[in-house]
């Protein structure tokens, strides 16, 4: 399961109100690692960490179990937590909850590429969207090696970038959100935004629809 919530935290006796994004992943399906825990990634946009909330009385919380970058999103697959460390870190951090929340591997997806999401198809195959590139990466999530890439440049707006964002994988089809942001005009969206569909068995892409 995947969810994201935004909330404003107002510490006592401080004029600041930092925006904190917590992305929670419930590792409770068959074959996953922690059926009794809700795992969150937390950031104040200067640092980040992984925490755990027990899903039963006394609802205990274990905080700051592993350090991550300040602008993260995350997915789970096969009992592992895949943290996408975005602009400034540009890597994928793989964390093992059963192994004491240790980072078991970390691999770059391109300096300055600003990765946005990861969709893991198998222990040997995953896909990474990157905002500062029109090439979606296919990687081996076990080794970190790049095995292939596919250009989505044909869907770009006038600035030449598609600004790919979130991913959804179902069967052989990978759905890619294309934001089409105007880099020369304050990063406003250029209508229409698209969803591209990639047949991962044939490495072909198609236009699915638009959101104006």
C-alpha atoms as a PDB file:
ATOM      1  CA  UNK A   1       0.000   0.000   0.000  1.00  0.00           C
ATOM      2  CA  UNK A   2       1.097   3.555  -0.641  1.00  0.00           C
ATOM      3  CA  UNK A   3      -0.104   6.862   0.711  1.00  0.00           C
ATOM      4  CA  UNK A   4       1.198  10.370   1.069  1.00  0.00           C
ATOM      5  CA  UNK A   5       0.045  12.988   3.513  1.00  0.00           C
ATOM      6  CA  UNK A   6       1.085  16.606   3.974  1.00  0.00           C
ATOM      7  CA  UNK A   7       0.742  18.403   7.233  1.00  0.00           C
ATOM      8  CA  UNK A   8       2.037  21.568   8.824  1.00  0.00           C
ATOM      9  CA  UNK A   9       3.945  21.134  12.038  1.00  0.00           C
ATOM     10  CA  UNK A  10       3.964  24.061  14.448  1.00  0.00           C
ATOM     11  CA  UNK A  11       6.697  23.611  17.044  1.00  0.00           C
ATOM     12  CA  UNK A  12       6.197  25.461  20.321  1.00  0.00           C
ATOM     13  CA  UNK A  13       7.932  28.835  20.698  1.00  0.00           C
ATOM     14  CA  UNK A  14       9.124  29.104  17.110  1.00  0.00           C
ATOM     15  CA  UNK A  15       7.934  31.336  14.268  1.00  0.00           C
ATOM     16  CA  UNK A  16       8.593  28.660  11.688  1.00  0.00           C
ATOM     17  CA  UNK A  17       6.079  26.183  10.292  1.00  0.00           C
ATOM     18  CA  UNK A  18       7.983  23.606   8.228  1.00  0.00           C
ATOM     19  CA  UNK A  19       6.100  21.455   5.745  1.00  0.00           C
ATOM     20  CA  UNK A  20       6.608  17.767   6.458  1.00  0.00           C
ATOM     21  CA  UNK A  21       5.733  15.025   3.975  1.00  0.00           C
ATOM     22  CA  UNK A  22       5.279  11.536   5.381  1.00  0.00           C
ATOM     23  CA  UNK A  23       4.933   8.681   2.935  1.00  0.00           C
ATOM     24  CA  UNK A  24       3.678   5.549   4.587  1.00  0.00           C
ATOM     25  CA  UNK A  25       4.122   2.032   3.305  1.00  0.00           C
ATOM     26  CA  UNK A  26       2.365  -0.862   4.946  1.00  0.00           C
ATOM     27  CA  UNK A  27       4.565  -3.905   4.456  1.00  0.00           C
ATOM     28  CA  UNK A  28       1.861  -6.413   5.201  1.00  0.00           C
ATOM     29  CA  UNK A  29       1.080  -8.441   2.086  1.00  0.00           C
ATOM     30  CA  UNK A  30       2.255 -11.997   1.487  1.00  0.00           C
ATOM     31  CA  UNK A  31       6.020 -12.274   1.469  1.00  0.00           C
ATOM     32  CA  UNK A  32       6.677  -8.849   2.926  1.00  0.00           C
ATOM     33  CA  UNK A  33       8.702  -8.138   5.982  1.00  0.00           C
ATOM     34  CA  UNK A  34       6.683  -6.302   8.633  1.00  0.00           C
ATOM     35  CA  UNK A  35       2.978  -7.211   8.660  1.00  0.00           C
ATOM     36  CA  UNK A  36       2.540  -5.460  12.009  1.00  0.00           C
ATOM     37  CA  UNK A  37       4.151  -2.126  11.158  1.00  0.00           C
ATOM     38  CA  UNK A  38       3.536   1.074   9.269  1.00  0.00           C
ATOM     39  CA  UNK A  39       6.782   2.420   7.872  1.00  0.00           C
ATOM     40  CA  UNK A  40       7.074   6.136   7.170  1.00  0.00           C
ATOM     41  CA  UNK A  41       9.624   8.377   5.546  1.00  0.00           C
ATOM     42  CA  UNK A  42       9.782  11.843   7.029  1.00  0.00           C
ATOM     43  CA  UNK A  43      11.397  15.117   5.987  1.00  0.00           C
ATOM     44  CA  UNK A  44      11.597  18.755   6.996  1.00  0.00           C
ATOM     45  CA  UNK A  45      13.368  19.460   3.674  1.00  0.00           C
ATOM     46  CA  UNK A  46      16.745  19.761   5.359  1.00  0.00           C
ATOM     47  CA  UNK A  47      17.078  16.121   6.466  1.00  0.00           C
ATOM     48  CA  UNK A  48      15.099  12.910   6.211  1.00  0.00           C
ATOM     49  CA  UNK A  49      14.656   9.641   8.073  1.00  0.00           C
ATOM     50  CA  UNK A  50      12.708   6.380   8.229  1.00  0.00           C
ATOM     51  CA  UNK A  51      10.444   5.628  11.198  1.00  0.00           C
ATOM     52  CA  UNK A  52       8.127   2.792  12.223  1.00  0.00           C
ATOM     53  CA  UNK A  53       4.684   2.766  13.859  1.00  0.00           C
ATOM     54  CA  UNK A  54       3.314  -0.442  15.357  1.00  0.00           C
ATOM     55  CA  UNK A  55      -0.207  -1.305  14.206  1.00  0.00           C
ATOM     56  CA  UNK A  56      -1.451  -2.430  17.588  1.00  0.00           C
ATOM     57  CA  UNK A  57      -1.516  -1.454  21.233  1.00  0.00           C
ATOM     58  CA  UNK A  58       0.475   0.326  22.633  1.00  0.00           C
ATOM     59  CA  UNK A  59       1.057   1.804  19.116  1.00  0.00           C
ATOM     60  CA  UNK A  60       4.723   2.419  19.836  1.00  0.00           C
ATOM     61  CA  UNK A  61       6.823   4.537  17.487  1.00  0.00           C
ATOM     62  CA  UNK A  62      10.491   3.979  16.632  1.00  0.00           C
ATOM     63  CA  UNK A  63      11.907   7.152  15.144  1.00  0.00           C
ATOM     64  CA  UNK A  64      14.886   7.961  12.917  1.00  0.00           C
ATOM     65  CA  UNK A  65      15.827   4.348  12.200  1.00  0.00           C
ATOM     66  CA  UNK A  66      17.794   5.189   9.055  1.00  0.00           C
ATOM     67  CA  UNK A  67      18.892   8.436   7.448  1.00  0.00           C
ATOM     68  CA  UNK A  68      17.666   9.317   3.954  1.00  0.00           C
ATOM     69  CA  UNK A  69      17.864  12.446   1.818  1.00  0.00           C
ATOM     70  CA  UNK A  70      15.725  15.505   2.415  1.00  0.00           C
ATOM     71  CA  UNK A  71      13.453  15.139  -0.639  1.00  0.00           C
ATOM     72  CA  UNK A  72      12.333  11.486  -0.747  1.00  0.00           C
ATOM     73  CA  UNK A  73       9.498   9.327  -1.974  1.00  0.00           C
ATOM     74  CA  UNK A  74       9.289   5.565  -1.479  1.00  0.00           C
ATOM     75  CA  UNK A  75       7.882   2.261  -2.678  1.00  0.00           C
ATOM     76  CA  UNK A  76       7.984  -1.258  -1.245  1.00  0.00           C
ATOM     77  CA  UNK A  77       8.657  -4.542  -3.028  1.00  0.00           C
ATOM     78  CA  UNK A  78       9.587  -7.981  -1.738  1.00  0.00           C
ATOM     79  CA  UNK A  79       9.948  -6.829   1.854  1.00  0.00           C
ATOM     80  CA  UNK A  80      12.387  -4.033   0.966  1.00  0.00           C
ATOM     81  CA  UNK A  81      11.891  -0.287   1.055  1.00  0.00           C
ATOM     82  CA  UNK A  82      12.993   1.551  -2.096  1.00  0.00           C
ATOM     83  CA  UNK A  83      13.593   5.221  -1.284  1.00  0.00           C
ATOM     84  CA  UNK A  84      13.845   7.585  -4.241  1.00  0.00           C
ATOM     85  CA  UNK A  85      16.168  10.352  -3.075  1.00  0.00           C
ATOM     86  CA  UNK A  86      15.346  13.193  -5.417  1.00  0.00           C
ATOM     87  CA  UNK A  87      17.162  16.379  -6.473  1.00  0.00           C
ATOM     88  CA  UNK A  88      20.478  16.834  -4.674  1.00  0.00           C
ATOM     89  CA  UNK A  89      20.986  13.119  -4.055  1.00  0.00           C
ATOM     90  CA  UNK A  90      19.764  11.546  -7.326  1.00  0.00           C
ATOM     91  CA  UNK A  91      19.857   7.950  -6.163  1.00  0.00           C
ATOM     92  CA  UNK A  92      17.846   4.928  -5.090  1.00  0.00           C
ATOM     93  CA  UNK A  93      18.385   3.766  -1.491  1.00  0.00           C
ATOM     94  CA  UNK A  94      17.273   0.220  -0.659  1.00  0.00           C
ATOM     95  CA  UNK A  95      16.489  -0.403   3.021  1.00  0.00           C
ATOM     96  CA  UNK A  96      15.826  -3.748   4.726  1.00  0.00           C
ATOM     97  CA  UNK A  97      13.293  -3.378   7.590  1.00  0.00           C
ATOM     98  CA  UNK A  98      13.973  -6.896   8.906  1.00  0.00           C
ATOM     99  CA  UNK A  99      17.717  -6.266   8.934  1.00  0.00           C
ATOM    100  CA  UNK A 100      17.447  -3.418  11.401  1.00  0.00           C
ATOM    101  CA  UNK A 101      16.536  -0.791   8.820  1.00  0.00           C
ATOM    102  CA  UNK A 102      19.992  -0.929   7.299  1.00  0.00           C
ATOM    103  CA  UNK A 103      20.716   0.354   3.811  1.00  0.00           C
ATOM    104  CA  UNK A 104      21.617  -2.741   1.810  1.00  0.00           C
ATOM    105  CA  UNK A 105      22.450  -0.864  -1.393  1.00  0.00           C
ATOM    106  CA  UNK A 106      22.393   2.577  -2.926  1.00  0.00           C
ATOM    107  CA  UNK A 107      22.891   3.457  -6.575  1.00  0.00           C
ATOM    108  CA  UNK A 108      22.933   6.598  -8.676  1.00  0.00           C
ATOM    109  CA  UNK A 109      20.445   7.237 -11.476  1.00  0.00           C
ATOM    110  CA  UNK A 110      22.365  10.168 -12.948  1.00  0.00           C
ATOM    111  CA  UNK A 111      23.859  13.301 -11.401  1.00  0.00           C
ATOM    112  CA  UNK A 112      21.271  16.085 -11.394  1.00  0.00           C
ATOM    113  CA  UNK A 113      18.614  13.837 -12.959  1.00  0.00           C
ATOM    114  CA  UNK A 114      16.097  14.421 -10.124  1.00  0.00           C
ATOM    115  CA  UNK A 115      14.447  10.957  -9.970  1.00  0.00           C
ATOM    116  CA  UNK A 116      10.739  10.993  -9.126  1.00  0.00           C
ATOM    117  CA  UNK A 117       9.567   7.407  -8.713  1.00  0.00           C
ATOM    118  CA  UNK A 118      10.488   3.744  -9.054  1.00  0.00           C
ATOM    119  CA  UNK A 119       8.360   0.821 -10.220  1.00  0.00           C
ATOM    120  CA  UNK A 120       9.843  -2.571  -9.352  1.00  0.00           C
ATOM    121  CA  UNK A 121       8.718  -5.428 -11.598  1.00  0.00           C
ATOM    122  CA  UNK A 122      11.027  -8.128 -10.199  1.00  0.00           C
ATOM    123  CA  UNK A 123      14.265  -8.431  -8.194  1.00  0.00           C
ATOM    124  CA  UNK A 124      16.127  -7.954 -11.488  1.00  0.00           C
ATOM    125  CA  UNK A 125      13.992  -5.311 -13.187  1.00  0.00           C
ATOM    126  CA  UNK A 126      12.758  -1.851 -12.217  1.00  0.00           C
ATOM    127  CA  UNK A 127      11.962   1.464 -13.881  1.00  0.00           C
ATOM    128  CA  UNK A 128      12.898   4.969 -12.705  1.00  0.00           C
ATOM    129  CA  UNK A 129      11.321   8.243 -13.841  1.00  0.00           C
ATOM    130  CA  UNK A 130      13.545  11.337 -13.828  1.00  0.00           C
ATOM    131  CA  UNK A 131      12.369  14.941 -14.060  1.00  0.00           C
ATOM    132  CA  UNK A 132      15.553  16.334 -15.621  1.00  0.00           C
ATOM    133  CA  UNK A 133      15.774  13.724 -18.353  1.00  0.00           C
ATOM    134  CA  UNK A 134      13.464  12.518 -21.102  1.00  0.00           C
ATOM    135  CA  UNK A 135      14.898   9.018 -20.775  1.00  0.00           C
ATOM    136  CA  UNK A 136      13.149   6.620 -18.409  1.00  0.00           C
ATOM    137  CA  UNK A 137      15.652   4.159 -16.983  1.00  0.00           C
ATOM    138  CA  UNK A 138      15.399   0.397 -16.696  1.00  0.00           C
ATOM    139  CA  UNK A 139      17.658  -0.792 -13.879  1.00  0.00           C
ATOM    140  CA  UNK A 140      18.499  -3.950 -12.011  1.00  0.00           C
ATOM    141  CA  UNK A 141      17.378  -3.049  -8.459  1.00  0.00           C
ATOM    142  CA  UNK A 142      19.565  -5.773  -6.975  1.00  0.00           C
ATOM    143  CA  UNK A 143      22.819  -4.510  -8.519  1.00  0.00           C
ATOM    144  CA  UNK A 144      21.946  -0.940  -9.461  1.00  0.00           C
ATOM    145  CA  UNK A 145      23.132  -1.492 -13.032  1.00  0.00           C
ATOM    146  CA  UNK A 146      21.329   0.358 -15.845  1.00  0.00           C
ATOM    147  CA  UNK A 147      20.134  -2.200 -18.388  1.00  0.00           C
ATOM    148  CA  UNK A 148      18.152  -0.017 -20.819  1.00  0.00           C
ATOM    149  CA  UNK A 149      16.449   3.353 -21.342  1.00  0.00           C
ATOM    150  CA  UNK A 150      13.586   4.688 -23.413  1.00  0.00           C
ATOM    151  CA  UNK A 151      13.058   8.260 -24.619  1.00  0.00           C
ATOM    152  CA  UNK A 152       9.728  10.021 -24.056  1.00  0.00           C
ATOM    153  CA  UNK A 153      10.955  13.241 -25.695  1.00  0.00           C
ATOM    154  CA  UNK A 154       8.166  13.088 -28.261  1.00  0.00           C
ATOM    155  CA  UNK A 155       5.715  14.199 -25.561  1.00  0.00           C
ATOM    156  CA  UNK A 156       7.721  17.277 -24.477  1.00  0.00           C
ATOM    157  CA  UNK A 157       6.452  20.850 -24.490  1.00  0.00           C
ATOM    158  CA  UNK A 158       8.382  23.788 -25.970  1.00  0.00           C
ATOM    159  CA  UNK A 159      11.186  23.702 -23.383  1.00  0.00           C
ATOM    160  CA  UNK A 160      12.134  20.202 -24.555  1.00  0.00           C
ATOM    161  CA  UNK A 161      11.358  18.271 -21.362  1.00  0.00           C
ATOM    162  CA  UNK A 162       8.414  16.023 -20.476  1.00  0.00           C
ATOM    163  CA  UNK A 163       8.966  16.231 -16.683  1.00  0.00           C
ATOM    164  CA  UNK A 164       8.037  12.608 -16.026  1.00  0.00           C
ATOM    165  CA  UNK A 165       6.706  12.027 -12.504  1.00  0.00           C
ATOM    166  CA  UNK A 166       4.821   9.114 -10.906  1.00  0.00           C
ATOM    167  CA  UNK A 167       4.729   5.534 -12.186  1.00  0.00           C
ATOM    168  CA  UNK A 168       2.190   2.714 -12.070  1.00  0.00           C
ATOM    169  CA  UNK A 169       3.024  -0.804 -13.246  1.00  0.00           C
ATOM    170  CA  UNK A 170       0.323  -3.323 -14.089  1.00  0.00           C
ATOM    171  CA  UNK A 171       1.283  -6.491 -15.899  1.00  0.00           C
ATOM    172  CA  UNK A 172       3.333  -5.640 -18.980  1.00  0.00           C
ATOM    173  CA  UNK A 173       2.228  -1.980 -19.050  1.00  0.00           C
ATOM    174  CA  UNK A 174       4.025   0.859 -17.274  1.00  0.00           C
ATOM    175  CA  UNK A 175       1.983   4.065 -16.915  1.00  0.00           C
ATOM    176  CA  UNK A 176       4.060   7.254 -16.722  1.00  0.00           C
ATOM    177  CA  UNK A 177       2.698  10.629 -15.611  1.00  0.00           C
ATOM    178  CA  UNK A 178       4.095  13.433 -17.811  1.00  0.00           C
ATOM    179  CA  UNK A 179       3.662  16.823 -16.132  1.00  0.00           C
ATOM    180  CA  UNK A 180       4.987  19.041 -18.982  1.00  0.00           C
ATOM    181  CA  UNK A 181       6.130  21.976 -16.848  1.00  0.00           C
ATOM    182  CA  UNK A 182       7.283  25.244 -18.401  1.00  0.00           C
ATOM    183  CA  UNK A 183      10.856  25.698 -17.186  1.00  0.00           C
ATOM    184  CA  UNK A 184      11.041  29.129 -18.791  1.00  0.00           C
ATOM    185  CA  UNK A 185       7.793  30.414 -17.297  1.00  0.00           C
ATOM    186  CA  UNK A 186       7.838  29.690 -13.574  1.00  0.00           C
ATOM    187  CA  UNK A 187       7.376  25.904 -13.818  1.00  0.00           C
ATOM    188  CA  UNK A 188       3.682  26.232 -14.612  1.00  0.00           C
ATOM    189  CA  UNK A 189       2.063  23.188 -16.284  1.00  0.00           C
ATOM    190  CA  UNK A 190       1.635  23.380 -20.049  1.00  0.00           C
ATOM    191  CA  UNK A 191      -1.734  21.957 -21.065  1.00  0.00           C
ATOM    192  CA  UNK A 192      -2.336  19.190 -21.690  1.00  0.00           C
ATOM    193  CA  UNK A 193      -0.478  16.902 -19.318  1.00  0.00           C
ATOM    194  CA  UNK A 194      -0.156  13.321 -20.562  1.00  0.00           C
ATOM    195  CA  UNK A 195      -0.019   9.725 -19.415  1.00  0.00           C
ATOM    196  CA  UNK A 196       2.291   7.586 -21.513  1.00  0.00           C
ATOM    197  CA  UNK A 197       1.974   3.812 -21.572  1.00  0.00           C
ATOM    198  CA  UNK A 198       5.067   1.668 -22.080  1.00  0.00           C
ATOM    199  CA  UNK A 199       4.881  -1.976 -23.096  1.00  0.00           C
ATOM    200  CA  UNK A 200       7.839  -3.200 -21.047  1.00  0.00           C
ATOM    201  CA  UNK A 201       8.030  -6.438 -23.028  1.00  0.00           C
ATOM    202  CA  UNK A 202       8.564  -4.602 -26.316  1.00  0.00           C
ATOM    203  CA  UNK A 203       9.976  -1.233 -25.170  1.00  0.00           C
ATOM    204  CA  UNK A 204       7.342   0.729 -27.066  1.00  0.00           C
ATOM    205  CA  UNK A 205       5.403   3.750 -25.822  1.00  0.00           C
ATOM    206  CA  UNK A 206       1.957   5.052 -26.652  1.00  0.00           C
ATOM    207  CA  UNK A 207      -0.192   8.059 -25.801  1.00  0.00           C
ATOM    208  CA  UNK A 208      -2.999   7.176 -23.390  1.00  0.00           C
ATOM    209  CA  UNK A 209      -4.797  10.378 -22.559  1.00  0.00           C
ATOM    210  CA  UNK A 210      -4.516  13.953 -21.421  1.00  0.00           C
ATOM    211  CA  UNK A 211      -5.491  16.197 -18.551  1.00  0.00           C
ATOM    212  CA  UNK A 212      -5.945  19.817 -19.482  1.00  0.00           C
END
